Amino acid sequence: MNKLIILITILSVWHKYSRCENNSDFMILKEENGIQLSSRWIPAPGNRETREIKAAFEVEAAPSVIIELLRSEQQALLWMRGVKEVRMHSTGNPAEWYAYLLYNIPWPFNKQDCIIHYQLTSDSGEGQIVLKLEGTPDYVAVRDGIERISHLNGSWKISQTEIDKCRVEYTVYSIQKARFPRWATDPIIQNNLILTMVSFKELAAKNR
């Protein structure tokens, strides 16, 4: 009996260790309409883990077109699926701005919003741009009846591959504790993200 307990303990520790070791590897979830979705587990506070989601695709547009599309309040609802309202807040710096998003979430989920701080953090001079995004929940007052997303982090990585063509990698994660099981939310999140990136890709190509 003692040997069995020791064996189970060793296997449990090994499983946890091996999962942490492989955290850097994104696992493909699905590919659809030229969009590849993948995810990986990363550490979260309270000895927890959370998933980071990545959407990757090729688009026939220059990096500058991608950035301008991300800045545009007028075009935001043309590609952001599951979003009801968008307001951009300028800082006076073209490399930094805030976006308020109100999500159009179906019942039985609560209405949610978030404020995202966008910051252009690098332009290597080699055709690659990194745009960091960070949730800033206190930037705008909370509205009655709407739940504010307390944490959000991610980035847009835009790499030019040819003239007027680039590869885009969008990653996002939250350490906010989930209120609903993954089997209920995953299909909604993944389908919305696929539709969003397909619309973004088509609009970027049209704007080039």
N, C-alpha and C. Protein backbone atom coordinates (compact mmCIF):
# COMPACT_ATOMS: atom_id res chain seq x y z
N MET A 1 0.84 -1.20 0.00
CA MET A 1 0.00 0.00 0.00
C MET A 1 0.88 1.26 0.00
N ASN A 2 1.91 1.26 0.84
CA ASN A 2 2.82 2.41 0.90
C ASN A 2 3.52 2.63 -0.43
N LYS A 3 3.88 1.52 -1.11
CA LYS A 3 4.54 1.64 -2.41
C LYS A 3 3.61 2.27 -3.44
N LEU A 4 2.31 1.92 -3.36
CA LEU A 4 1.32 2.47 -4.30
C LEU A 4 1.18 3.97 -4.09
N ILE A 5 1.11 4.38 -2.82
CA ILE A 5 1.00 5.81 -2.50
C ILE A 5 2.20 6.58 -3.02
N ILE A 6 3.40 6.01 -2.81
CA ILE A 6 4.63 6.66 -3.29
C ILE A 6 4.61 6.79 -4.81
N LEU A 7 4.17 5.72 -5.50
CA LEU A 7 4.13 5.73 -6.96
C LEU A 7 3.17 6.79 -7.47
N ILE A 8 1.98 6.89 -6.87
CA ILE A 8 0.99 7.89 -7.27
C ILE A 8 1.53 9.30 -7.05
N THR A 9 2.22 9.50 -5.92
CA THR A 9 2.81 10.81 -5.62
C THR A 9 3.85 11.20 -6.65
N ILE A 10 4.72 10.24 -7.01
CA ILE A 10 5.77 10.50 -8.00
C ILE A 10 5.16 10.85 -9.35
N LEU A 11 4.12 10.08 -9.75
CA LEU A 11 3.47 10.34 -11.03
C LEU A 11 2.80 11.70 -11.06
N SER A 12 2.19 12.09 -9.93
CA SER A 12 1.51 13.39 -9.85
C SER A 12 2.51 14.52 -9.98
N VAL A 13 3.63 14.41 -9.27
CA VAL A 13 4.66 15.44 -9.32
C VAL A 13 5.25 15.52 -10.73
N TRP A 14 5.50 14.35 -11.34
CA TRP A 14 6.06 14.33 -12.69
C TRP A 14 5.13 14.98 -13.69
N HIS A 15 3.80 14.69 -13.57
CA HIS A 15 2.82 15.27 -14.50
C HIS A 15 2.81 16.79 -14.38
N LYS A 16 2.80 17.29 -13.13
CA LYS A 16 2.78 18.74 -12.93
C LYS A 16 4.05 19.37 -13.45
N TYR A 17 5.19 18.72 -13.20
CA TYR A 17 6.48 19.26 -13.64
C TYR A 17 6.56 19.29 -15.17
N SER A 18 6.12 18.18 -15.80
CA SER A 18 6.22 18.11 -17.25
C SER A 18 5.30 19.11 -17.91
N ARG A 19 4.13 19.37 -17.29
CA ARG A 19 3.21 20.34 -17.85
C ARG A 19 3.79 21.74 -17.76
N CYS A 20 4.46 22.06 -16.65
CA CYS A 20 5.10 23.37 -16.51
C CYS A 20 6.25 23.53 -17.50
N GLU A 21 6.98 22.41 -17.75
CA GLU A 21 8.10 22.47 -18.66
C GLU A 21 7.64 22.78 -20.08
N ASN A 22 6.43 22.29 -20.44
CA ASN A 22 5.94 22.46 -21.80
C ASN A 22 5.05 23.69 -21.96
N ASN A 23 5.00 24.56 -20.94
CA ASN A 23 4.13 25.72 -21.00
C ASN A 23 4.46 26.63 -22.18
N SER A 24 5.72 26.63 -22.63
CA SER A 24 6.13 27.54 -23.69
C SER A 24 5.61 27.08 -25.05
N ASP A 25 5.12 25.85 -25.14
CA ASP A 25 4.67 25.30 -26.41
C ASP A 25 3.18 25.54 -26.61
N PHE A 26 2.85 26.26 -27.69
CA PHE A 26 1.45 26.44 -28.05
C PHE A 26 0.93 25.17 -28.73
N MET A 27 -0.25 24.74 -28.34
CA MET A 27 -0.90 23.58 -28.94
C MET A 27 -2.04 24.06 -29.83
N ILE A 28 -2.08 23.57 -31.07
CA ILE A 28 -3.09 24.01 -32.02
C ILE A 28 -4.48 23.53 -31.59
N LEU A 29 -5.42 24.46 -31.56
CA LEU A 29 -6.81 24.14 -31.21
C LEU A 29 -7.64 23.87 -32.45
N LYS A 30 -7.51 24.75 -33.44
CA LYS A 30 -8.25 24.59 -34.69
C LYS A 30 -7.69 25.53 -35.75
N GLU A 31 -7.95 25.20 -37.01
CA GLU A 31 -7.59 26.06 -38.13
C GLU A 31 -8.83 26.20 -39.01
N GLU A 32 -9.14 27.46 -39.33
CA GLU A 32 -10.36 27.71 -40.10
C GLU A 32 -10.23 29.03 -40.86
N ASN A 33 -10.55 29.00 -42.15
CA ASN A 33 -10.54 30.20 -42.99
C ASN A 33 -9.21 30.97 -42.91
N GLY A 34 -8.12 30.23 -42.87
CA GLY A 34 -6.81 30.85 -42.84
C GLY A 34 -6.36 31.35 -41.48
N ILE A 35 -7.15 31.08 -40.44
CA ILE A 35 -6.80 31.50 -39.07
C ILE A 35 -6.44 30.26 -38.26
N GLN A 36 -5.28 30.31 -37.62
CA GLN A 36 -4.85 29.20 -36.75
C GLN A 36 -4.96 29.64 -35.30
N LEU A 37 -5.76 28.89 -34.53
CA LEU A 37 -5.89 29.15 -33.10
C LEU A 37 -5.08 28.14 -32.32
N SER A 38 -4.33 28.61 -31.33
CA SER A 38 -3.56 27.72 -30.46
C SER A 38 -3.58 28.27 -29.04
N SER A 39 -3.14 27.46 -28.10
CA SER A 39 -3.14 27.90 -26.70
C SER A 39 -2.01 27.23 -25.94
N ARG A 40 -1.68 27.82 -24.78
CA ARG A 40 -0.72 27.21 -23.87
C ARG A 40 -1.11 27.62 -22.45
N TRP A 41 -0.66 26.83 -21.49
CA TRP A 41 -0.91 27.12 -20.08
C TRP A 41 0.24 27.95 -19.53
N ILE A 42 -0.11 29.00 -18.78
CA ILE A 42 0.91 29.84 -18.15
C ILE A 42 0.55 30.02 -16.67
N PRO A 43 1.54 30.30 -15.82
CA PRO A 43 1.26 30.44 -14.38
C PRO A 43 0.36 31.64 -14.09
N ALA A 44 -0.48 31.49 -13.05
CA ALA A 44 -1.35 32.56 -12.58
C ALA A 44 -1.24 32.62 -11.06
N PRO A 45 -1.59 33.76 -10.45
CA PRO A 45 -1.51 33.87 -8.98
C PRO A 45 -2.35 32.81 -8.27
N GLY A 46 -1.96 32.50 -7.04
CA GLY A 46 -2.70 31.53 -6.25
C GLY A 46 -2.43 30.10 -6.65
N ASN A 47 -1.22 29.86 -7.16
CA ASN A 47 -0.83 28.50 -7.58
C ASN A 47 -1.78 27.94 -8.63
N ARG A 48 -2.25 28.83 -9.51
CA ARG A 48 -3.15 28.43 -10.57
C ARG A 48 -2.46 28.52 -11.93
N GLU A 49 -3.17 28.09 -12.96
CA GLU A 49 -2.73 28.27 -14.33
C GLU A 49 -3.87 28.88 -15.14
N THR A 50 -3.51 29.62 -16.16
CA THR A 50 -4.51 30.16 -17.06
C THR A 50 -4.03 29.94 -18.49
N ARG A 51 -4.96 29.99 -19.42
CA ARG A 51 -4.58 29.74 -20.80
C ARG A 51 -4.35 31.03 -21.58
N GLU A 52 -3.27 31.03 -22.33
CA GLU A 52 -3.00 32.11 -23.27
C GLU A 52 -3.42 31.62 -24.66
N ILE A 53 -4.23 32.44 -25.34
CA ILE A 53 -4.74 32.08 -26.66
C ILE A 53 -3.99 32.86 -27.72
N LYS A 54 -3.68 32.20 -28.84
CA LYS A 54 -3.01 32.87 -29.95
C LYS A 54 -3.77 32.62 -31.24
N ALA A 55 -3.96 33.70 -32.01
CA ALA A 55 -4.52 33.60 -33.35
C ALA A 55 -3.46 34.09 -34.33
N ALA A 56 -3.15 33.29 -35.33
CA ALA A 56 -2.10 33.64 -36.29
C ALA A 56 -2.65 33.52 -37.71
N PHE A 57 -2.25 34.47 -38.55
CA PHE A 57 -2.71 34.44 -39.94
C PHE A 57 -1.83 35.33 -40.82
N GLU A 58 -1.92 35.10 -42.13
CA GLU A 58 -1.24 35.94 -43.12
C GLU A 58 -2.27 36.91 -43.69
N VAL A 59 -1.83 38.14 -43.99
CA VAL A 59 -2.74 39.14 -44.53
C VAL A 59 -2.02 39.96 -45.60
N GLU A 60 -2.75 40.28 -46.66
CA GLU A 60 -2.18 41.07 -47.74
C GLU A 60 -2.35 42.55 -47.44
N ALA A 61 -1.52 43.03 -46.56
CA ALA A 61 -1.52 44.44 -46.15
C ALA A 61 -0.21 44.74 -45.45
N ALA A 62 0.23 45.98 -45.51
CA ALA A 62 1.46 46.40 -44.84
C ALA A 62 1.22 46.57 -43.35
N PRO A 63 2.26 46.45 -42.52
CA PRO A 63 2.10 46.64 -41.07
C PRO A 63 1.44 47.96 -40.70
N SER A 64 1.74 49.03 -41.44
CA SER A 64 1.15 50.33 -41.14
C SER A 64 -0.37 50.30 -41.29
N VAL A 65 -0.87 49.52 -42.24
CA VAL A 65 -2.32 49.38 -42.44
C VAL A 65 -2.95 48.67 -41.24
N ILE A 66 -2.26 47.66 -40.72
CA ILE A 66 -2.74 46.92 -39.54
C ILE A 66 -2.85 47.85 -38.34
N ILE A 67 -1.84 48.65 -38.11
CA ILE A 67 -1.84 49.57 -36.97
C ILE A 67 -2.96 50.60 -37.10
N GLU A 68 -3.13 51.16 -38.29
CA GLU A 68 -4.18 52.16 -38.49
C GLU A 68 -5.56 51.56 -38.28
N LEU A 69 -5.74 50.31 -38.67
CA LEU A 69 -7.02 49.63 -38.48
C LEU A 69 -7.30 49.41 -36.99
N LEU A 70 -6.26 49.07 -36.24
CA LEU A 70 -6.41 48.88 -34.80
C LEU A 70 -6.73 50.19 -34.08
N ARG A 71 -6.28 51.30 -34.64
CA ARG A 71 -6.54 52.62 -34.04
C ARG A 71 -7.95 53.15 -34.37
N SER A 72 -8.54 52.67 -35.44
CA SER A 72 -9.75 53.27 -35.99
C SER A 72 -11.01 52.92 -35.20
N GLU A 73 -11.62 53.92 -34.59
CA GLU A 73 -12.90 53.72 -33.91
C GLU A 73 -14.02 53.48 -34.92
N GLN A 74 -13.97 54.17 -36.06
CA GLN A 74 -15.02 54.08 -37.07
C GLN A 74 -15.14 52.67 -37.66
N GLN A 75 -14.00 51.97 -37.77
CA GLN A 75 -14.01 50.65 -38.40
C GLN A 75 -14.01 49.49 -37.40
N ALA A 76 -13.92 49.80 -36.13
CA ALA A 76 -13.77 48.75 -35.11
C ALA A 76 -14.91 47.74 -35.13
N LEU A 77 -16.15 48.22 -35.21
CA LEU A 77 -17.29 47.31 -35.16
C LEU A 77 -17.46 46.51 -36.45
N LEU A 78 -16.70 46.87 -37.48
CA LEU A 78 -16.75 46.10 -38.72
C LEU A 78 -15.99 44.79 -38.61
N TRP A 79 -15.08 44.69 -37.62
CA TRP A 79 -14.31 43.46 -37.50
C TRP A 79 -14.35 42.84 -36.10
N MET A 80 -14.68 43.61 -35.08
CA MET A 80 -14.75 43.06 -33.72
C MET A 80 -16.09 42.35 -33.51
N ARG A 81 -16.10 41.04 -33.54
CA ARG A 81 -17.31 40.26 -33.35
C ARG A 81 -17.58 40.10 -31.85
N GLY A 82 -18.85 40.14 -31.50
CA GLY A 82 -19.22 40.00 -30.09
C GLY A 82 -19.02 41.27 -29.30
N VAL A 83 -18.76 42.39 -29.99
CA VAL A 83 -18.57 43.69 -29.34
C VAL A 83 -19.71 44.62 -29.75
N LYS A 84 -20.32 45.26 -28.76
CA LYS A 84 -21.48 46.13 -28.99
C LYS A 84 -21.10 47.60 -29.13
N GLU A 85 -20.05 48.00 -28.43
CA GLU A 85 -19.67 49.42 -28.40
C GLU A 85 -18.16 49.55 -28.30
N VAL A 86 -17.59 50.51 -29.04
CA VAL A 86 -16.15 50.77 -29.01
C VAL A 86 -15.94 52.28 -28.94
N ARG A 87 -15.07 52.70 -28.04
CA ARG A 87 -14.68 54.11 -27.98
C ARG A 87 -13.16 54.19 -27.82
N MET A 88 -12.51 54.90 -28.71
CA MET A 88 -11.07 55.09 -28.64
C MET A 88 -10.75 56.38 -27.90
N HIS A 89 -9.72 56.33 -27.04
CA HIS A 89 -9.29 57.50 -26.28
C HIS A 89 -7.84 57.81 -26.65
N SER A 90 -7.64 58.96 -27.28
CA SER A 90 -6.30 59.35 -27.71
C SER A 90 -5.49 59.88 -26.54
N THR A 91 -4.19 59.65 -26.59
CA THR A 91 -3.27 60.20 -25.58
C THR A 91 -2.44 61.34 -26.15
N GLY A 92 -2.63 61.62 -27.45
CA GLY A 92 -1.80 62.61 -28.11
C GLY A 92 -0.54 62.02 -28.68
N ASN A 93 -0.29 60.75 -28.37
CA ASN A 93 0.88 60.02 -28.86
C ASN A 93 0.38 58.94 -29.83
N PRO A 94 0.76 58.98 -31.10
CA PRO A 94 0.26 57.99 -32.07
C PRO A 94 0.67 56.56 -31.75
N ALA A 95 1.64 56.39 -30.86
CA ALA A 95 2.10 55.05 -30.50
C ALA A 95 1.43 54.54 -29.22
N GLU A 96 0.42 55.28 -28.72
CA GLU A 96 -0.21 54.89 -27.46
C GLU A 96 -1.66 55.39 -27.44
N TRP A 97 -2.59 54.51 -27.13
CA TRP A 97 -3.99 54.90 -27.02
C TRP A 97 -4.76 53.89 -26.15
N TYR A 98 -5.99 54.26 -25.79
CA TYR A 98 -6.86 53.40 -24.99
C TYR A 98 -8.12 53.08 -25.79
N ALA A 99 -8.66 51.90 -25.54
CA ALA A 99 -9.91 51.50 -26.20
C ALA A 99 -10.88 50.97 -25.14
N TYR A 100 -12.11 51.49 -25.17
CA TYR A 100 -13.18 50.96 -24.31
C TYR A 100 -14.03 50.01 -25.15
N LEU A 101 -14.24 48.78 -24.65
CA LEU A 101 -15.03 47.78 -25.36
C LEU A 101 -16.17 47.30 -24.47
N LEU A 102 -17.38 47.30 -25.02
CA LEU A 102 -18.54 46.72 -24.35
C LEU A 102 -18.93 45.50 -25.15
N TYR A 103 -18.88 44.33 -24.50
CA TYR A 103 -19.14 43.08 -25.21
C TYR A 103 -20.62 42.76 -25.28
N ASN A 104 -21.03 42.22 -26.40
CA ASN A 104 -22.41 41.78 -26.60
C ASN A 104 -22.48 40.29 -26.27
N ILE A 105 -22.56 39.99 -24.98
CA ILE A 105 -22.47 38.61 -24.50
C ILE A 105 -23.87 38.02 -24.33
N PRO A 106 -24.10 36.83 -24.89
CA PRO A 106 -25.44 36.23 -24.80
C PRO A 106 -25.76 35.73 -23.40
N TRP A 107 -27.03 35.65 -23.10
CA TRP A 107 -27.50 35.03 -21.86
C TRP A 107 -27.01 33.59 -21.81
N PRO A 108 -26.62 33.04 -20.65
CA PRO A 108 -26.82 33.56 -19.29
C PRO A 108 -25.62 34.35 -18.74
N PHE A 109 -24.66 34.71 -19.60
CA PHE A 109 -23.48 35.42 -19.13
C PHE A 109 -23.81 36.89 -18.88
N ASN A 110 -23.10 37.48 -17.92
CA ASN A 110 -23.31 38.90 -17.60
C ASN A 110 -22.70 39.79 -18.68
N LYS A 111 -23.26 40.99 -18.83
CA LYS A 111 -22.65 41.97 -19.70
C LYS A 111 -21.29 42.35 -19.14
N GLN A 112 -20.30 42.46 -20.02
CA GLN A 112 -18.94 42.78 -19.59
C GLN A 112 -18.34 43.87 -20.46
N ASP A 113 -17.42 44.64 -19.86
CA ASP A 113 -16.66 45.61 -20.63
C ASP A 113 -15.21 45.58 -20.17
N CYS A 114 -14.35 46.26 -20.92
CA CYS A 114 -12.94 46.36 -20.53
C CYS A 114 -12.34 47.59 -21.17
N ILE A 115 -11.25 48.05 -20.60
CA ILE A 115 -10.48 49.14 -21.17
C ILE A 115 -9.08 48.60 -21.46
N ILE A 116 -8.65 48.77 -22.70
CA ILE A 116 -7.35 48.25 -23.12
C ILE A 116 -6.40 49.40 -23.43
N HIS A 117 -5.20 49.31 -22.87
CA HIS A 117 -4.13 50.27 -23.16
C HIS A 117 -3.24 49.67 -24.23
N TYR A 118 -3.19 50.31 -25.39
CA TYR A 118 -2.33 49.86 -26.48
C TYR A 118 -1.04 50.68 -26.48
N GLN A 119 0.07 50.01 -26.65
CA GLN A 119 1.36 50.70 -26.67
C GLN A 119 2.30 50.04 -27.66
N LEU A 120 2.77 50.85 -28.62
CA LEU A 120 3.72 50.37 -29.60
C LEU A 120 5.08 50.29 -28.91
N THR A 121 5.56 49.07 -28.68
CA THR A 121 6.75 48.90 -27.86
C THR A 121 8.04 48.69 -28.65
N SER A 122 7.92 48.27 -29.88
CA SER A 122 9.16 48.07 -30.64
C SER A 122 8.90 48.12 -32.13
N ASP A 123 9.85 48.66 -32.83
CA ASP A 123 9.89 48.63 -34.28
C ASP A 123 11.35 48.38 -34.62
N SER A 124 11.66 47.13 -34.84
CA SER A 124 13.06 46.70 -34.93
C SER A 124 13.78 47.22 -36.17
N GLY A 125 13.02 47.80 -37.11
CA GLY A 125 13.65 48.22 -38.36
C GLY A 125 13.81 47.07 -39.33
N GLU A 126 13.31 45.89 -38.95
CA GLU A 126 13.40 44.71 -39.80
C GLU A 126 12.01 44.25 -40.23
N GLY A 127 11.07 45.19 -40.28
CA GLY A 127 9.72 44.87 -40.73
C GLY A 127 8.87 44.23 -39.67
N GLN A 128 9.23 44.36 -38.42
CA GLN A 128 8.45 43.76 -37.33
C GLN A 128 8.01 44.81 -36.32
N ILE A 129 6.74 44.76 -35.97
CA ILE A 129 6.17 45.69 -34.99
C ILE A 129 5.49 44.88 -33.90
N VAL A 130 5.66 45.29 -32.65
CA VAL A 130 4.97 44.66 -31.52
C VAL A 130 4.11 45.71 -30.84
N LEU A 131 2.83 45.42 -30.75
CA LEU A 131 1.88 46.31 -30.10
C LEU A 131 1.36 45.61 -28.86
N LYS A 132 1.75 46.10 -27.69
CA LYS A 132 1.32 45.47 -26.43
C LYS A 132 -0.05 45.98 -26.04
N LEU A 133 -0.84 45.11 -25.44
CA LEU A 133 -2.13 45.52 -24.91
C LEU A 133 -2.24 45.08 -23.46
N GLU A 134 -2.79 45.96 -22.65
CA GLU A 134 -2.91 45.70 -21.21
C GLU A 134 -4.24 46.27 -20.71
N GLY A 135 -4.97 45.46 -19.96
CA GLY A 135 -6.21 45.93 -19.38
C GLY A 135 -5.95 46.98 -18.31
N THR A 136 -6.70 48.08 -18.37
CA THR A 136 -6.58 49.16 -17.38
C THR A 136 -7.99 49.43 -16.82
N PRO A 137 -8.45 48.59 -15.90
CA PRO A 137 -9.85 48.65 -15.45
C PRO A 137 -10.27 49.94 -14.78
N ASP A 138 -9.32 50.71 -14.27
CA ASP A 138 -9.68 51.94 -13.55
C ASP A 138 -9.64 53.19 -14.43
N TYR A 139 -9.37 53.02 -15.71
CA TYR A 139 -9.22 54.18 -16.59
C TYR A 139 -10.56 54.91 -16.83
N VAL A 140 -11.64 54.14 -16.86
CA VAL A 140 -12.99 54.69 -17.06
C VAL A 140 -13.90 54.15 -15.96
N ALA A 141 -14.81 54.97 -15.45
CA ALA A 141 -15.71 54.55 -14.38
C ALA A 141 -16.58 53.37 -14.82
N VAL A 142 -16.86 52.48 -13.88
CA VAL A 142 -17.69 51.31 -14.15
C VAL A 142 -19.14 51.74 -14.35
N ARG A 143 -19.81 51.15 -15.34
CA ARG A 143 -21.20 51.46 -15.63
C ARG A 143 -22.13 50.49 -14.90
N ASP A 144 -23.28 50.99 -14.48
CA ASP A 144 -24.24 50.17 -13.74
C ASP A 144 -24.67 48.96 -14.57
N GLY A 145 -24.71 47.79 -13.91
CA GLY A 145 -25.18 46.58 -14.56
C GLY A 145 -24.18 45.93 -15.49
N ILE A 146 -22.95 46.44 -15.53
CA ILE A 146 -21.93 45.88 -16.41
C ILE A 146 -20.71 45.48 -15.59
N GLU A 147 -20.26 44.28 -15.79
CA GLU A 147 -19.10 43.74 -15.05
C GLU A 147 -17.81 44.11 -15.78
N ARG A 148 -16.90 44.73 -15.07
CA ARG A 148 -15.62 45.15 -15.65
C ARG A 148 -14.62 43.98 -15.61
N ILE A 149 -14.00 43.68 -16.73
CA ILE A 149 -12.94 42.68 -16.77
C ILE A 149 -11.73 43.26 -16.06
N SER A 150 -11.29 42.59 -15.01
CA SER A 150 -10.27 43.16 -14.12
C SER A 150 -8.84 42.98 -14.63
N HIS A 151 -8.62 42.00 -15.50
CA HIS A 151 -7.25 41.77 -15.98
C HIS A 151 -7.26 41.25 -17.40
N LEU A 152 -6.35 41.80 -18.20
CA LEU A 152 -6.20 41.38 -19.59
C LEU A 152 -4.81 41.77 -20.06
N ASN A 153 -4.11 40.87 -20.69
CA ASN A 153 -2.79 41.15 -21.25
C ASN A 153 -2.62 40.43 -22.58
N GLY A 154 -1.82 41.02 -23.44
CA GLY A 154 -1.57 40.36 -24.71
C GLY A 154 -0.75 41.23 -25.63
N SER A 155 -0.77 40.89 -26.91
CA SER A 155 -0.01 41.67 -27.89
C SER A 155 -0.47 41.35 -29.31
N TRP A 156 -0.15 42.27 -30.20
CA TRP A 156 -0.24 42.05 -31.64
C TRP A 156 1.20 42.07 -32.16
N LYS A 157 1.63 41.00 -32.76
CA LYS A 157 2.97 40.92 -33.35
C LYS A 157 2.81 40.89 -34.86
N ILE A 158 3.35 41.90 -35.52
CA ILE A 158 3.14 42.09 -36.96
C ILE A 158 4.49 42.02 -37.66
N SER A 159 4.67 41.00 -38.48
CA SER A 159 5.95 40.78 -39.16
C SER A 159 5.75 40.86 -40.67
N GLN A 160 6.45 41.79 -41.31
CA GLN A 160 6.34 41.92 -42.76
C GLN A 160 7.09 40.78 -43.43
N THR A 161 6.42 40.08 -44.35
CA THR A 161 7.03 38.96 -45.05
C THR A 161 7.36 39.31 -46.50
N GLU A 162 6.54 40.17 -47.11
CA GLU A 162 6.77 40.66 -48.46
C GLU A 162 6.23 42.09 -48.52
N ILE A 163 6.39 42.74 -49.67
CA ILE A 163 5.80 44.07 -49.82
C ILE A 163 4.27 43.93 -49.74
N ASP A 164 3.65 44.73 -48.89
CA ASP A 164 2.20 44.71 -48.69
C ASP A 164 1.68 43.33 -48.27
N LYS A 165 2.48 42.62 -47.49
CA LYS A 165 2.04 41.33 -46.95
C LYS A 165 2.74 41.09 -45.63
N CYS A 166 2.00 40.60 -44.64
CA CYS A 166 2.63 40.34 -43.35
C CYS A 166 1.93 39.19 -42.62
N ARG A 167 2.60 38.72 -41.59
CA ARG A 167 2.06 37.70 -40.70
C ARG A 167 1.67 38.38 -39.39
N VAL A 168 0.49 38.07 -38.91
CA VAL A 168 -0.02 38.66 -37.68
C VAL A 168 -0.21 37.57 -36.63
N GLU A 169 0.29 37.83 -35.42
CA GLU A 169 0.07 36.92 -34.29
C GLU A 169 -0.54 37.74 -33.15
N TYR A 170 -1.76 37.39 -32.81
CA TYR A 170 -2.47 38.06 -31.71
C TYR A 170 -2.53 37.09 -30.54
N THR A 171 -2.05 37.52 -29.37
CA THR A 171 -2.10 36.68 -28.18
C THR A 171 -2.80 37.44 -27.06
N VAL A 172 -3.52 36.71 -26.21
CA VAL A 172 -4.24 37.33 -25.10
C VAL A 172 -4.44 36.32 -23.98
N TYR A 173 -4.41 36.81 -22.75
CA TYR A 173 -4.73 35.97 -21.60
C TYR A 173 -5.25 36.84 -20.46
N SER A 174 -5.91 36.20 -19.51
CA SER A 174 -6.40 36.89 -18.32
C SER A 174 -6.19 36.00 -17.11
N ILE A 175 -5.81 36.61 -15.99
CA ILE A 175 -5.67 35.85 -14.75
C ILE A 175 -6.93 35.94 -13.90
N GLN A 176 -7.94 36.62 -14.42
CA GLN A 176 -9.22 36.69 -13.72
C GLN A 176 -9.84 35.30 -13.66
N LYS A 177 -10.33 34.91 -12.49
CA LYS A 177 -10.88 33.57 -12.32
C LYS A 177 -12.15 33.41 -13.15
N ALA A 178 -12.22 32.29 -13.86
CA ALA A 178 -13.38 32.02 -14.70
C ALA A 178 -14.61 31.71 -13.84
N ARG A 179 -15.76 32.22 -14.27
CA ARG A 179 -17.00 31.99 -13.54
C ARG A 179 -17.81 30.84 -14.12
N PHE A 180 -17.44 30.41 -15.33
CA PHE A 180 -18.16 29.34 -16.00
C PHE A 180 -17.16 28.30 -16.49
N PRO A 181 -17.57 27.04 -16.63
CA PRO A 181 -16.65 25.98 -17.06
C PRO A 181 -16.18 26.18 -18.50
N ARG A 182 -15.01 25.66 -18.79
CA ARG A 182 -14.41 25.82 -20.12
C ARG A 182 -15.28 25.23 -21.22
N TRP A 183 -15.96 24.10 -20.93
CA TRP A 183 -16.77 23.47 -21.98
C TRP A 183 -17.91 24.38 -22.43
N ALA A 184 -18.31 25.32 -21.56
CA ALA A 184 -19.39 26.24 -21.91
C ALA A 184 -18.87 27.47 -22.64
N THR A 185 -17.68 27.94 -22.26
CA THR A 185 -17.16 29.20 -22.82
C THR A 185 -16.23 29.01 -24.01
N ASP A 186 -15.51 27.89 -24.07
CA ASP A 186 -14.53 27.69 -25.14
C ASP A 186 -15.11 27.81 -26.56
N PRO A 187 -16.25 27.15 -26.84
CA PRO A 187 -16.79 27.27 -28.20
C PRO A 187 -17.14 28.71 -28.57
N ILE A 188 -17.68 29.47 -27.61
CA ILE A 188 -18.04 30.87 -27.88
C ILE A 188 -16.80 31.71 -28.13
N ILE A 189 -15.80 31.55 -27.26
CA ILE A 189 -14.56 32.32 -27.38
C ILE A 189 -13.84 32.00 -28.69
N GLN A 190 -13.70 30.73 -28.99
CA GLN A 190 -12.97 30.33 -30.19
C GLN A 190 -13.69 30.75 -31.47
N ASN A 191 -15.00 30.57 -31.53
CA ASN A 191 -15.74 30.95 -32.73
C ASN A 191 -15.72 32.46 -32.94
N ASN A 192 -15.89 33.23 -31.85
CA ASN A 192 -15.84 34.68 -31.96
C ASN A 192 -14.46 35.16 -32.42
N LEU A 193 -13.42 34.52 -31.90
CA LEU A 193 -12.07 34.92 -32.27
C LEU A 193 -11.78 34.61 -33.74
N ILE A 194 -12.23 33.46 -34.21
CA ILE A 194 -12.07 33.11 -35.63
C ILE A 194 -12.79 34.13 -36.51
N LEU A 195 -14.06 34.41 -36.20
CA LEU A 195 -14.84 35.37 -36.98
C LEU A 195 -14.23 36.76 -36.94
N THR A 196 -13.73 37.15 -35.76
CA THR A 196 -13.10 38.47 -35.61
C THR A 196 -11.87 38.59 -36.50
N MET A 197 -11.00 37.59 -36.48
CA MET A 197 -9.77 37.66 -37.24
C MET A 197 -10.01 37.52 -38.75
N VAL A 198 -11.01 36.76 -39.15
CA VAL A 198 -11.36 36.68 -40.57
C VAL A 198 -11.82 38.06 -41.07
N SER A 199 -12.68 38.72 -40.28
CA SER A 199 -13.16 40.05 -40.65
C SER A 199 -12.03 41.07 -40.66
N PHE A 200 -11.13 40.96 -39.66
CA PHE A 200 -9.98 41.87 -39.59
C PHE A 200 -9.08 41.69 -40.81
N LYS A 201 -8.82 40.46 -41.16
CA LYS A 201 -7.95 40.14 -42.30
C LYS A 201 -8.54 40.68 -43.60
N GLU A 202 -9.84 40.49 -43.80
CA GLU A 202 -10.50 40.96 -45.02
C GLU A 202 -10.52 42.49 -45.09
N LEU A 203 -10.78 43.14 -43.95
CA LEU A 203 -10.84 44.60 -43.93
C LEU A 203 -9.45 45.21 -44.14
N ALA A 204 -8.43 44.59 -43.55
CA ALA A 204 -7.05 45.09 -43.73
C ALA A 204 -6.64 44.99 -45.20
N ALA A 205 -6.97 43.88 -45.84
CA ALA A 205 -6.63 43.70 -47.25
C ALA A 205 -7.37 44.71 -48.13
N LYS A 206 -8.59 45.04 -47.74
CA LYS A 206 -9.39 46.00 -48.49
C LYS A 206 -8.84 47.42 -48.33
N ASN A 207 -8.25 47.72 -47.15
CA ASN A 207 -7.74 49.06 -46.86
C ASN A 207 -6.34 49.33 -47.39
N ARG A 208 -5.67 48.30 -47.88
CA ARG A 208 -4.26 48.47 -48.26
C ARG A 208 -4.06 49.45 -49.40
